[in-house]
Amino acid sequence: QVQLVESGGGLVQPGGSLRLSCAASGLTFSWYNMRWYRQAPGKERELVARITSTGGSTNFADSVKGRFTISRDNAKNTVYLQMNSLKPEDTAVYYCNAQNLWSTSRNYWGQGTQVTVSS
């Protein structure tokens, strides 16, 4: 059974930092590209960042470029999202997503972790 478990969310002041983690189990982690999405109240889910299976390539939404970084540790089956210079508009539920390299049907989601940026 595949599980993606996010952690690290919470309440932070504007300008602060948080590091989200997503621990994967039940899959061969190195066979998956990993992504972080977020969904704010009343808005559609949006792609925030993605990283290839080897960690060799990353991409970011324009809204977070220069502030967020994504990384992974394939030995620990974990992907991270380091979020710096947080803004109130970063407030959302953040979701981890795993996409198999060869099968589009093997796509998995975590349960999400709440990030709230407020003074």
PDB file of N, CA and C in Angstrom:
ATOM      1  N   GLN A   1       0.844  -1.193   0.000  1.00  0.00           N
ATOM      2  CA  GLN A   1       0.000   0.000   0.000  1.00  0.00           C
ATOM      3  C   GLN A   1       0.883   1.248   0.000  1.00  0.00           C
ATOM      4  N   VAL A   2       0.648   2.094  -0.977  1.00  0.00           N
ATOM      5  CA  VAL A   2       1.446   3.311  -1.090  1.00  0.00           C
ATOM      6  C   VAL A   2       0.937   4.356  -0.098  1.00  0.00           C
ATOM      7  N   GLN A   3       1.871   4.974   0.598  1.00  0.00           N
ATOM      8  CA  GLN A   3       1.525   6.068   1.510  1.00  0.00           C
ATOM      9  C   GLN A   3       2.498   7.215   1.317  1.00  0.00           C
ATOM     10  N   LEU A   4       1.949   8.411   1.262  1.00  0.00           N
ATOM     11  CA  LEU A   4       2.743   9.635   1.280  1.00  0.00           C
ATOM     12  C   LEU A   4       2.279  10.436   2.490  1.00  0.00           C
ATOM     13  N   VAL A   5       3.209  10.733   3.387  1.00  0.00           N
ATOM     14  CA  VAL A   5       2.852  11.415   4.623  1.00  0.00           C
ATOM     15  C   VAL A   5       3.627  12.725   4.721  1.00  0.00           C
ATOM     16  N   GLU A   6       2.874  13.823   4.639  1.00  0.00           N
ATOM     17  CA  GLU A   6       3.490  15.141   4.750  1.00  0.00           C
ATOM     18  C   GLU A   6       3.589  15.560   6.204  1.00  0.00           C
ATOM     19  N   SER A   7       4.590  16.374   6.487  1.00  0.00           N
ATOM     20  CA  SER A   7       4.743  16.945   7.821  1.00  0.00           C
ATOM     21  C   SER A   7       5.496  18.263   7.699  1.00  0.00           C
ATOM     22  N   GLY A   8       5.476  19.035   8.785  1.00  0.00           N
ATOM     23  CA  GLY A   8       6.246  20.267   8.818  1.00  0.00           C
ATOM     24  C   GLY A   8       5.439  21.530   8.641  1.00  0.00           C
ATOM     25  N   GLY A   9       4.151  21.407   8.392  1.00  0.00           N
ATOM     26  CA  GLY A   9       3.329  22.589   8.257  1.00  0.00           C
ATOM     27  C   GLY A   9       3.095  23.264   9.596  1.00  0.00           C
ATOM     28  N   GLY A  10       2.482  24.437   9.541  1.00  0.00           N
ATOM     29  CA  GLY A  10       2.197  25.160  10.773  1.00  0.00           C
ATOM     30  C   GLY A  10       1.936  26.617  10.516  1.00  0.00           C
ATOM     31  N   LEU A  11       1.956  27.375  11.595  1.00  0.00           N
ATOM     32  CA  LEU A  11       1.732  28.821  11.549  1.00  0.00           C
ATOM     33  C   LEU A  11       3.081  29.528  11.599  1.00  0.00           C
ATOM     34  N   VAL A  12       3.288  30.448  10.679  1.00  0.00           N
ATOM     35  CA  VAL A  12       4.547  31.183  10.628  1.00  0.00           C
ATOM     36  C   VAL A  12       4.252  32.632  10.272  1.00  0.00           C
ATOM     37  N   GLN A  13       5.088  33.529  10.754  1.00  0.00           N
ATOM     38  CA  GLN A  13       4.907  34.946  10.444  1.00  0.00           C
ATOM     39  C   GLN A  13       5.431  35.249   9.041  1.00  0.00           C
ATOM     40  N   PRO A  14       4.906  36.291   8.428  1.00  0.00           N
ATOM     41  CA  PRO A  14       5.440  36.703   7.117  1.00  0.00           C
ATOM     42  C   PRO A  14       6.945  36.927   7.201  1.00  0.00           C
ATOM     43  N   GLY A  15       7.636  36.449   6.161  1.00  0.00           N
ATOM     44  CA  GLY A  15       9.092  36.524   6.155  1.00  0.00           C
ATOM     45  C   GLY A  15       9.773  35.319   6.765  1.00  0.00           C
ATOM     46  N   GLY A  16       8.996  34.478   7.401  1.00  0.00           N
ATOM     47  CA  GLY A  16       9.564  33.306   8.050  1.00  0.00           C
ATOM     48  C   GLY A  16       9.781  32.146   7.094  1.00  0.00           C
ATOM     49  N   SER A  17      10.223  31.032   7.665  1.00  0.00           N
ATOM     50  CA  SER A  17      10.542  29.838   6.875  1.00  0.00           C
ATOM     51  C   SER A  17       9.890  28.603   7.476  1.00  0.00           C
ATOM     52  N   LEU A  18       9.638  27.649   6.600  1.00  0.00           N
ATOM     53  CA  LEU A  18       9.179  26.326   7.001  1.00  0.00           C
ATOM     54  C   LEU A  18       9.803  25.307   6.068  1.00  0.00           C
ATOM     55  N   ARG A  19       9.987  24.109   6.577  1.00  0.00           N
ATOM     56  CA  ARG A  19      10.459  23.008   5.741  1.00  0.00           C
ATOM     57  C   ARG A  19       9.449  21.872   5.816  1.00  0.00           C
ATOM     58  N   LEU A  20       8.843  21.584   4.679  1.00  0.00           N
ATOM     59  CA  LEU A  20       7.907  20.469   4.599  1.00  0.00           C
ATOM     60  C   LEU A  20       8.650  19.212   4.200  1.00  0.00           C
ATOM     61  N   SER A  21       8.181  18.092   4.730  1.00  0.00           N
ATOM     62  CA  SER A  21       8.718  16.793   4.368  1.00  0.00           C
ATOM     63  C   SER A  21       7.582  15.900   3.887  1.00  0.00           C
ATOM     64  N   CYS A  22       7.904  14.999   3.000  1.00  0.00           N
ATOM     65  CA  CYS A  22       6.935  14.008   2.531  1.00  0.00           C
ATOM     66  C   CYS A  22       7.649  12.667   2.509  1.00  0.00           C
ATOM     67  N   ALA A  23       7.239  11.785   3.402  1.00  0.00           N
ATOM     68  CA  ALA A  23       7.839  10.464   3.504  1.00  0.00           C
ATOM     69  C   ALA A  23       6.986   9.468   2.739  1.00  0.00           C
ATOM     70  N   ALA A  24       7.615   8.745   1.826  1.00  0.00           N
ATOM     71  CA  ALA A  24       6.911   7.788   0.982  1.00  0.00           C
ATOM     72  C   ALA A  24       7.205   6.362   1.422  1.00  0.00           C
ATOM     73  N   SER A  25       6.201   5.517   1.298  1.00  0.00           N
ATOM     74  CA  SER A  25       6.374   4.093   1.579  1.00  0.00           C
ATOM     75  C   SER A  25       5.490   3.297   0.635  1.00  0.00           C
ATOM     76  N   GLY A  26       5.854   2.029   0.442  1.00  0.00           N
ATOM     77  CA  GLY A  26       5.052   1.166  -0.417  1.00  0.00           C
ATOM     78  C   GLY A  26       5.329   1.330  -1.894  1.00  0.00           C
ATOM     79  N   LEU A  27       6.375   2.051  -2.242  1.00  0.00           N
ATOM     80  CA  LEU A  27       6.743   2.217  -3.644  1.00  0.00           C
ATOM     81  C   LEU A  27       8.256   2.299  -3.764  1.00  0.00           C
ATOM     82  N   THR A  28       8.736   2.145  -5.000  1.00  0.00           N
ATOM     83  CA  THR A  28      10.166   2.311  -5.266  1.00  0.00           C
ATOM     84  C   THR A  28      10.391   3.784  -5.542  1.00  0.00           C
ATOM     85  N   PHE A  29      10.830   4.489  -4.535  1.00  0.00           N
ATOM     86  CA  PHE A  29      10.830   5.946  -4.560  1.00  0.00           C
ATOM     87  C   PHE A  29      11.620   6.505  -5.737  1.00  0.00           C
ATOM     88  N   SER A  30      12.699   5.883  -6.087  1.00  0.00           N
ATOM     89  CA  SER A  30      13.540   6.405  -7.164  1.00  0.00           C
ATOM     90  C   SER A  30      12.924   6.239  -8.549  1.00  0.00           C
ATOM     91  N   TRP A  31      11.775   5.580  -8.626  1.00  0.00           N
ATOM     92  CA  TRP A  31      11.049   5.439  -9.883  1.00  0.00           C
ATOM     93  C   TRP A  31       9.988   6.519 -10.042  1.00  0.00           C
ATOM     94  N   TYR A  32       9.985   7.496  -9.176  1.00  0.00           N
ATOM     95  CA  TYR A  32       8.929   8.491  -9.177  1.00  0.00           C
ATOM     96  C   TYR A  32       9.473   9.914  -9.243  1.00  0.00           C
ATOM     97  N   ASN A  33       8.891  10.720 -10.150  1.00  0.00           N
ATOM     98  CA  ASN A  33       9.051  12.163 -10.062  1.00  0.00           C
ATOM     99  C   ASN A  33       8.145  12.640  -8.936  1.00  0.00           C
ATOM    100  N   MET A  34       8.597  13.635  -8.211  1.00  0.00           N
ATOM    101  CA  MET A  34       7.845  14.114  -7.053  1.00  0.00           C
ATOM    102  C   MET A  34       7.464  15.577  -7.241  1.00  0.00           C
ATOM    103  N   ARG A  35       6.293  15.906  -6.738  1.00  0.00           N
ATOM    104  CA  ARG A  35       5.784  17.272  -6.872  1.00  0.00           C
ATOM    105  C   ARG A  35       5.153  17.728  -5.574  1.00  0.00           C
ATOM    106  N   TRP A  36       5.188  19.015  -5.360  1.00  0.00           N
ATOM    107  CA  TRP A  36       4.430  19.650  -4.296  1.00  0.00           C
ATOM    108  C   TRP A  36       3.367  20.531  -4.948  1.00  0.00           C
ATOM    109  N   TYR A  37       2.144  20.376  -4.497  1.00  0.00           N
ATOM    110  CA  TYR A  37       1.030  21.217  -4.896  1.00  0.00           C
ATOM    111  C   TYR A  37       0.527  21.958  -3.661  1.00  0.00           C
ATOM    112  N   ARG A  38      -0.270  22.978  -3.901  1.00  0.00           N
ATOM    113  CA  ARG A  38      -0.960  23.644  -2.796  1.00  0.00           C
ATOM    114  C   ARG A  38      -2.355  24.056  -3.246  1.00  0.00           C
ATOM    115  N   GLN A  39      -3.220  24.167  -2.260  1.00  0.00           N
ATOM    116  CA  GLN A  39      -4.582  24.606  -2.526  1.00  0.00           C
ATOM    117  C   GLN A  39      -5.026  25.543  -1.418  1.00  0.00           C
ATOM    118  N   ALA A  40      -5.304  26.758  -1.814  1.00  0.00           N
ATOM    119  CA  ALA A  40      -5.811  27.757  -0.880  1.00  0.00           C
ATOM    120  C   ALA A  40      -7.336  27.708  -0.888  1.00  0.00           C
ATOM    121  N   PRO A  41      -7.982  28.178   0.171  1.00  0.00           N
ATOM    122  CA  PRO A  41      -9.450  28.152   0.225  1.00  0.00           C
ATOM    123  C   PRO A  41     -10.068  28.873  -0.963  1.00  0.00           C
ATOM    124  N   GLY A  42     -10.992  28.197  -1.615  1.00  0.00           N
ATOM    125  CA  GLY A  42     -11.695  28.803  -2.740  1.00  0.00           C
ATOM    126  C   GLY A  42     -10.916  28.848  -4.036  1.00  0.00           C
ATOM    127  N   LYS A  43      -9.724  28.251  -4.033  1.00  0.00           N
ATOM    128  CA  LYS A  43      -8.892  28.270  -5.240  1.00  0.00           C
ATOM    129  C   LYS A  43      -8.603  26.854  -5.714  1.00  0.00           C
ATOM    130  N   GLU A  44      -8.182  26.748  -6.965  1.00  0.00           N
ATOM    131  CA  GLU A  44      -7.816  25.449  -7.504  1.00  0.00           C
ATOM    132  C   GLU A  44      -6.443  25.030  -6.991  1.00  0.00           C
ATOM    133  N   ARG A  45      -6.237  23.728  -6.990  1.00  0.00           N
ATOM    134  CA  ARG A  45      -4.930  23.211  -6.603  1.00  0.00           C
ATOM    135  C   ARG A  45      -3.910  23.619  -7.661  1.00  0.00           C
ATOM    136  N   GLU A  46      -2.746  24.094  -7.210  1.00  0.00           N
ATOM    137  CA  GLU A  46      -1.733  24.539  -8.152  1.00  0.00           C
ATOM    138  C   GLU A  46      -0.409  23.842  -7.883  1.00  0.00           C
ATOM    139  N   LEU A  47       0.338  23.623  -8.954  1.00  0.00           N
ATOM    140  CA  LEU A  47       1.657  23.020  -8.848  1.00  0.00           C
ATOM    141  C   LEU A  47       2.649  24.052  -8.333  1.00  0.00           C
ATOM    142  N   VAL A  48       3.362  23.709  -7.289  1.00  0.00           N
ATOM    143  CA  VAL A  48       4.324  24.628  -6.683  1.00  0.00           C
ATOM    144  C   VAL A  48       5.743  24.312  -7.138  1.00  0.00           C
ATOM    145  N   ALA A  49       6.106  23.029  -7.076  1.00  0.00           N
ATOM    146  CA  ALA A  49       7.478  22.642  -7.399  1.00  0.00           C
ATOM    147  C   ALA A  49       7.508  21.171  -7.780  1.00  0.00           C
ATOM    148  N   ARG A  50       8.490  20.821  -8.594  1.00  0.00           N
ATOM    149  CA  ARG A  50       8.645  19.419  -8.948  1.00  0.00           C
ATOM    150  C   ARG A  50      10.131  19.081  -9.067  1.00  0.00           C
ATOM    151  N   ILE A  51      10.414  17.804  -8.881  1.00  0.00           N
ATOM    152  CA  ILE A  51      11.796  17.327  -8.939  1.00  0.00           C
ATOM    153  C   ILE A  51      11.785  15.967  -9.609  1.00  0.00           C
ATOM    154  N   THR A  52      12.764  15.748 -10.463  1.00  0.00           N
ATOM    155  CA  THR A  52      12.834  14.479 -11.176  1.00  0.00           C
ATOM    156  C   THR A  52      13.274  13.350 -10.246  1.00  0.00           C
ATOM    157  N   SER A  53      13.184  12.145 -10.751  1.00  0.00           N
ATOM    158  CA  SER A  53      13.421  10.964  -9.925  1.00  0.00           C
ATOM    159  C   SER A  53      14.818  10.932  -9.315  1.00  0.00           C
ATOM    160  N   THR A  54      15.787  11.452 -10.069  1.00  0.00           N
ATOM    161  CA  THR A  54      17.165  11.455  -9.577  1.00  0.00           C
ATOM    162  C   THR A  54      17.510  12.730  -8.817  1.00  0.00           C
ATOM    163  N   GLY A  55      16.608  13.687  -8.858  1.00  0.00           N
ATOM    164  CA  GLY A  55      16.896  14.983  -8.244  1.00  0.00           C
ATOM    165  C   GLY A  55      17.700  15.896  -9.128  1.00  0.00           C
ATOM    166  N   GLY A  56      17.906  15.494 -10.374  1.00  0.00           N
ATOM    167  CA  GLY A  56      18.762  16.265 -11.252  1.00  0.00           C
ATOM    168  C   GLY A  56      18.135  17.502 -11.842  1.00  0.00           C
ATOM    169  N   SER A  57      16.820  17.590 -11.791  1.00  0.00           N
ATOM    170  CA  SER A  57      16.142  18.740 -12.366  1.00  0.00           C
ATOM    171  C   SER A  57      14.977  19.156 -11.488  1.00  0.00           C
ATOM    172  N   THR A  58      14.814  20.460 -11.352  1.00  0.00           N
ATOM    173  CA  THR A  58      13.714  21.001 -10.557  1.00  0.00           C
ATOM    174  C   THR A  58      13.028  22.127 -11.329  1.00  0.00           C
ATOM    175  N   ASN A  59      11.757  22.341 -11.005  1.00  0.00           N
ATOM    176  CA  ASN A  59      11.003  23.443 -11.594  1.00  0.00           C
ATOM    177  C   ASN A  59      10.110  24.047 -10.524  1.00  0.00           C
ATOM    178  N   PHE A  60       9.819  25.337 -10.677  1.00  0.00           N
ATOM    179  CA  PHE A  60       9.020  26.034  -9.679  1.00  0.00           C
ATOM    180  C   PHE A  60       7.985  26.921 -10.347  1.00  0.00           C
ATOM    181  N   ALA A  61       6.884  27.112  -9.650  1.00  0.00           N
ATOM    182  CA  ALA A  61       5.914  28.102 -10.083  1.00  0.00           C
ATOM    183  C   ALA A  61       6.541  29.480  -9.960  1.00  0.00           C
ATOM    184  N   ASP A  62       6.139  30.382 -10.840  1.00  0.00           N
ATOM    185  CA  ASP A  62       6.701  31.736 -10.815  1.00  0.00           C
ATOM    186  C   ASP A  62       6.490  32.408  -9.460  1.00  0.00           C
ATOM    187  N   SER A  63       5.381  32.102  -8.825  1.00  0.00           N
ATOM    188  CA  SER A  63       5.028  32.747  -7.561  1.00  0.00           C
ATOM    189  C   SER A  63       5.965  32.389  -6.409  1.00  0.00           C
ATOM    190  N   VAL A  64       6.726  31.296  -6.556  1.00  0.00           N
ATOM    191  CA  VAL A  64       7.610  30.865  -5.467  1.00  0.00           C
ATOM    192  C   VAL A  64       9.072  30.839  -5.866  1.00  0.00           C
ATOM    193  N   LYS A  65       9.344  31.141  -7.113  1.00  0.00           N
ATOM    194  CA  LYS A  65      10.718  31.080  -7.609  1.00  0.00           C
ATOM    195  C   LYS A  65      11.616  32.007  -6.797  1.00  0.00           C
ATOM    196  N   GLY A  66      12.772  31.490  -6.409  1.00  0.00           N
ATOM    197  CA  GLY A  66      13.703  32.275  -5.622  1.00  0.00           C
ATOM    198  C   GLY A  66      13.441  32.221  -4.127  1.00  0.00           C
ATOM    199  N   ARG A  67      12.303  31.681  -3.727  1.00  0.00           N
ATOM    200  CA  ARG A  67      11.967  31.595  -2.297  1.00  0.00           C
ATOM    201  C   ARG A  67      11.870  30.147  -1.822  1.00  0.00           C
ATOM    202  N   PHE A  68      11.426  29.263  -2.696  1.00  0.00           N
ATOM    203  CA  PHE A  68      11.247  27.850  -2.334  1.00  0.00           C
ATOM    204  C   PHE A  68      12.303  27.006  -3.042  1.00  0.00           C
ATOM    205  N   THR A  69      12.724  25.947  -2.384  1.00  0.00           N
ATOM    206  CA  THR A  69      13.563  24.942  -3.022  1.00  0.00           C
ATOM    207  C   THR A  69      12.982  23.567  -2.742  1.00  0.00           C
ATOM    208  N   ILE A  70      13.179  22.658  -3.671  1.00  0.00           N
ATOM    209  CA  ILE A  70      12.724  21.292  -3.530  1.00  0.00           C
ATOM    210  C   ILE A  70      13.937  20.380  -3.611  1.00  0.00           C
ATOM    211  N   SER A  71      13.943  19.358  -2.775  1.00  0.00           N
ATOM    212  CA  SER A  71      15.033  18.403  -2.781  1.00  0.00           C
ATOM    213  C   SER A  71      14.483  17.036  -2.385  1.00  0.00           C
ATOM    214  N   ARG A  72      15.300  16.017  -2.568  1.00  0.00           N
ATOM    215  CA  ARG A  72      14.867  14.679  -2.209  1.00  0.00           C
ATOM    216  C   ARG A  72      16.061  13.873  -1.719  1.00  0.00           C
ATOM    217  N   ASP A  73      15.760  12.894  -0.887  1.00  0.00           N
ATOM    218  CA  ASP A  73      16.752  11.953  -0.402  1.00  0.00           C
ATOM    219  C   ASP A  73      16.214  10.564  -0.730  1.00  0.00           C
ATOM    220  N   ASN A  74      16.701   9.977  -1.787  1.00  0.00           N
ATOM    221  CA  ASN A  74      16.169   8.683  -2.211  1.00  0.00           C
ATOM    222  C   ASN A  74      16.509   7.560  -1.228  1.00  0.00           C
ATOM    223  N   ALA A  75      17.549   7.750  -0.438  1.00  0.00           N
ATOM    224  CA  ALA A  75      17.875   6.749   0.577  1.00  0.00           C
ATOM    225  C   ALA A  75      16.862   6.764   1.717  1.00  0.00           C
ATOM    226  N   LYS A  76      16.226   7.915   1.918  1.00  0.00           N
ATOM    227  CA  LYS A  76      15.231   8.053   2.990  1.00  0.00           C
ATOM    228  C   LYS A  76      13.809   8.074   2.456  1.00  0.00           C
ATOM    229  N   ASN A  77      13.645   7.914   1.139  1.00  0.00           N
ATOM    230  CA  ASN A  77      12.309   7.948   0.531  1.00  0.00           C
ATOM    231  C   ASN A  77      11.544   9.203   0.915  1.00  0.00           C
ATOM    232  N   THR A  78      12.230  10.327   0.877  1.00  0.00           N
ATOM    233  CA  THR A  78      11.633  11.566   1.354  1.00  0.00           C
ATOM    234  C   THR A  78      11.930  12.711   0.391  1.00  0.00           C
ATOM    235  N   VAL A  79      10.916  13.544   0.188  1.00  0.00           N
ATOM    236  CA  VAL A  79      11.071  14.770  -0.585  1.00  0.00           C
ATOM    237  C   VAL A  79      10.782  15.944   0.344  1.00  0.00           C
ATOM    238  N   TYR A  80      11.492  17.036   0.108  1.00  0.00           N
ATOM    239  CA  TYR A  80      11.389  18.211   0.980  1.00  0.00           C
ATOM    240  C   TYR A  80      10.990  19.438   0.169  1.00  0.00           C
ATOM    241  N   LEU A  81      10.353  20.363   0.861  1.00  0.00           N
ATOM    242  CA  LEU A  81      10.086  21.678   0.288  1.00  0.00           C
ATOM    243  C   LEU A  81      10.522  22.709   1.323  1.00  0.00           C
ATOM    244  N   GLN A  82      11.605  23.391   1.031  1.00  0.00           N
ATOM    245  CA  GLN A  82      12.089  24.472   1.890  1.00  0.00           C
ATOM    246  C   GLN A  82      11.448  25.769   1.433  1.00  0.00           C
ATOM    247  N   MET A  83      10.740  26.405   2.327  1.00  0.00           N
ATOM    248  CA  MET A  83      10.005  27.620   1.995  1.00  0.00           C
ATOM    249  C   MET A  83      10.551  28.777   2.819  1.00  0.00           C
ATOM    250  N   ASN A  84      11.108  29.750   2.134  1.00  0.00           N
ATOM    251  CA  ASN A  84      11.677  30.932   2.776  1.00  0.00           C
ATOM    252  C   ASN A  84      10.904  32.183   2.367  1.00  0.00           C
ATOM    253  N   SER A  85      11.098  33.237   3.111  1.00  0.00           N
ATOM    254  CA  SER A  85      10.445  34.524   2.809  1.00  0.00           C
ATOM    255  C   SER A  85       8.955  34.335   2.567  1.00  0.00           C
ATOM    256  N   LEU A  86       8.328  33.634   3.465  1.00  0.00           N
ATOM    257  CA  LEU A  86       6.916  33.299   3.278  1.00  0.00           C
ATOM    258  C   LEU A  86       6.027  34.532   3.318  1.00  0.00           C
ATOM    259  N   LYS A  87       4.980  34.467   2.505  1.00  0.00           N
ATOM    260  CA  LYS A  87       4.026  35.566   2.376  1.00  0.00           C
ATOM    261  C   LYS A  87       2.630  35.054   2.769  1.00  0.00           C
ATOM    262  N   PRO A  88       1.743  35.943   3.149  1.00  0.00           N
ATOM    263  CA  PRO A  88       0.383  35.499   3.466  1.00  0.00           C
ATOM    264  C   PRO A  88      -0.273  34.732   2.315  1.00  0.00           C
ATOM    265  N   GLU A  89       0.063  35.078   1.101  1.00  0.00           N
ATOM    266  CA  GLU A  89      -0.536  34.385  -0.050  1.00  0.00           C
ATOM    267  C   GLU A  89       0.001  32.973  -0.244  1.00  0.00           C
ATOM    268  N   ASP A  90       0.995  32.580   0.546  1.00  0.00           N
ATOM    269  CA  ASP A  90       1.460  31.198   0.525  1.00  0.00           C
ATOM    270  C   ASP A  90       0.591  30.297   1.409  1.00  0.00           C
ATOM    271  N   THR A  91      -0.327  30.893   2.129  1.00  0.00           N
ATOM    272  CA  THR A  91      -1.212  30.117   2.994  1.00  0.00           C
ATOM    273  C   THR A  91      -2.049  29.148   2.160  1.00  0.00           C
ATOM    274  N   ALA A  92      -1.971  27.881   2.503  1.00  0.00           N
ATOM    275  CA  ALA A  92      -2.662  26.843   1.742  1.00  0.00           C
ATOM    276  C   ALA A  92      -2.418  25.490   2.408  1.00  0.00           C
ATOM    277  N   VAL A  93      -3.136  24.500   1.929  1.00  0.00           N
ATOM    278  CA  VAL A  93      -2.800  23.118   2.258  1.00  0.00           C
ATOM    279  C   VAL A  93      -1.821  22.642   1.191  1.00  0.00           C
ATOM    280  N   TYR A  94      -0.705  22.107   1.636  1.00  0.00           N
ATOM    281  CA  TYR A  94       0.339  21.648   0.718  1.00  0.00           C
ATOM    282  C   TYR A  94       0.282  20.120   0.613  1.00  0.00           C
ATOM    283  N   TYR A  95       0.294  19.658  -0.623  1.00  0.00           N
ATOM    284  CA  TYR A  95       0.170  18.234  -0.908  1.00  0.00           C
ATOM    285  C   TYR A  95       1.402  17.718  -1.643  1.00  0.00           C
ATOM    286  N   CYS A  96       1.786  16.534  -1.288  1.00  0.00           N
ATOM    287  CA  CYS A  96       2.863  15.826  -1.947  1.00  0.00           C
ATOM    288  C   CYS A  96       2.243  14.891  -2.992  1.00  0.00           C
ATOM    289  N   ASN A  97       2.901  14.783  -4.148  1.00  0.00           N
ATOM    290  CA  ASN A  97       2.411  13.927  -5.218  1.00  0.00           C
ATOM    291  C   ASN A  97       3.562  13.113  -5.807  1.00  0.00           C
ATOM    292  N   ALA A  98       3.293  11.847  -6.083  1.00  0.00           N
ATOM    293  CA  ALA A  98       4.287  10.970  -6.693  1.00  0.00           C
ATOM    294  C   ALA A  98       3.760  10.475  -8.031  1.00  0.00           C
ATOM    295  N   GLN A  99       4.553  10.637  -9.066  1.00  0.00           N
ATOM    296  CA  GLN A  99       4.169  10.195 -10.412  1.00  0.00           C
ATOM    297  C   GLN A  99       5.216   9.207 -10.926  1.00  0.00           C
ATOM    298  N   ASN A 100       4.751   7.978 -11.205  1.00  0.00           N
ATOM    299  CA  ASN A 100       5.643   6.945 -11.724  1.00  0.00           C
ATOM    300  C   ASN A 100       6.206   7.340 -13.095  1.00  0.00           C
ATOM    301  N   LEU A 101       7.448   6.982 -13.327  1.00  0.00           N
ATOM    302  CA  LEU A 101       8.116   7.359 -14.573  1.00  0.00           C
ATOM    303  C   LEU A 101       7.488   6.732 -15.803  1.00  0.00           C
ATOM    304  N   TRP A 102       6.888   5.549 -15.653  1.00  0.00           N
ATOM    305  CA  TRP A 102       6.438   4.804 -16.831  1.00  0.00           C
ATOM    306  C   TRP A 102       4.940   4.582 -16.884  1.00  0.00           C
ATOM    307  N   SER A 103       4.234   4.773 -15.790  1.00  0.00           N
ATOM    308  CA  SER A 103       2.808   4.500 -15.749  1.00  0.00           C
ATOM    309  C   SER A 103       2.059   5.683 -15.181  1.00  0.00           C
ATOM    310  N   THR A 104       1.242   6.329 -16.010  1.00  0.00           N
ATOM    311  CA  THR A 104       0.493   7.508 -15.539  1.00  0.00           C
ATOM    312  C   THR A 104      -0.546   7.136 -14.493  1.00  0.00           C
ATOM    313  N   SER A 105      -0.978   5.871 -14.486  1.00  0.00           N
ATOM    314  CA  SER A 105      -1.980   5.458 -13.499  1.00  0.00           C
ATOM    315  C   SER A 105      -1.390   5.353 -12.100  1.00  0.00           C
ATOM    316  N   ARG A 106      -0.100   5.225 -12.003  1.00  0.00           N
ATOM    317  CA  ARG A 106       0.561   5.147 -10.702  1.00  0.00           C
ATOM    318  C   ARG A 106       0.910   6.560 -10.246  1.00  0.00           C
ATOM    319  N   ASN A 107      -0.124   7.221  -9.769  1.00  0.00           N
ATOM    320  CA  ASN A 107      -0.016   8.603  -9.310  1.00  0.00           C
ATOM    321  C   ASN A 107      -0.649   8.662  -7.931  1.00  0.00           C
ATOM    322  N   TYR A 108       0.095   9.146  -6.957  1.00  0.00           N
ATOM    323  CA  TYR A 108      -0.350   9.079  -5.568  1.00  0.00           C
ATOM    324  C   TYR A 108      -0.254  10.437  -4.895  1.00  0.00           C
ATOM    325  N   TRP A 109      -1.154  10.631  -3.915  1.00  0.00           N
ATOM    326  CA  TRP A 109      -1.232  11.888  -3.177  1.00  0.00           C
ATOM    327  C   TRP A 109      -1.116  11.645  -1.682  1.00  0.00           C
ATOM    328  N   GLY A 110      -0.527  12.616  -1.017  1.00  0.00           N
ATOM    329  CA  GLY A 110      -0.566  12.627   0.434  1.00  0.00           C
ATOM    330  C   GLY A 110      -1.843  13.287   0.921  1.00  0.00           C
ATOM    331  N   GLN A 111      -1.975  13.352   2.236  1.00  0.00           N
ATOM    332  CA  GLN A 111      -3.207  13.894   2.831  1.00  0.00           C
ATOM    333  C   GLN A 111      -3.146  15.407   2.988  1.00  0.00           C
ATOM    334  N   GLY A 112      -1.978  15.969   2.838  1.00  0.00           N
ATOM    335  CA  GLY A 112      -1.819  17.415   2.922  1.00  0.00           C
ATOM    336  C   GLY A 112      -1.391  17.894   4.296  1.00  0.00           C
ATOM    337  N   THR A 113      -0.733  19.039   4.306  1.00  0.00           N
ATOM    338  CA  THR A 113      -0.347  19.684   5.551  1.00  0.00           C
ATOM    339  C   THR A 113      -0.628  21.184   5.428  1.00  0.00           C
ATOM    340  N   GLN A 114      -1.205  21.744   6.472  1.00  0.00           N
ATOM    341  CA  GLN A 114      -1.626  23.146   6.433  1.00  0.00           C
ATOM    342  C   GLN A 114      -0.440  24.067   6.710  1.00  0.00           C
ATOM    343  N   VAL A 115      -0.299  25.068   5.863  1.00  0.00           N
ATOM    344  CA  VAL A 115       0.671  26.134   6.080  1.00  0.00           C
ATOM    345  C   VAL A 115      -0.105  27.441   6.164  1.00  0.00           C
ATOM    346  N   THR A 116       0.070  28.149   7.264  1.00  0.00           N
ATOM    347  CA  THR A 116      -0.595  29.422   7.459  1.00  0.00           C
ATOM    348  C   THR A 116       0.453  30.492   7.729  1.00  0.00           C
ATOM    349  N   VAL A 117       0.427  31.525   6.905  1.00  0.00           N
ATOM    350  CA  VAL A 117       1.379  32.633   7.049  1.00  0.00           C
ATOM    351  C   VAL A 117       0.586  33.860   7.499  1.00  0.00           C
ATOM    352  N   SER A 118       0.810  34.247   8.727  1.00  0.00           N
ATOM    353  CA  SER A 118       0.032  35.332   9.304  1.00  0.00           C
ATOM    354  C   SER A 118       0.765  35.939  10.483  1.00  0.00           C
ATOM    355  N   SER A 119       0.563  37.243  10.667  1.00  0.00           N
ATOM    356  CA  SER A 119       1.138  37.907  11.824  1.00  0.00           C
ATOM    357  C   SER A 119       0.135  37.917  12.981  1.00  0.00           C
TER     358      SER A 119
END
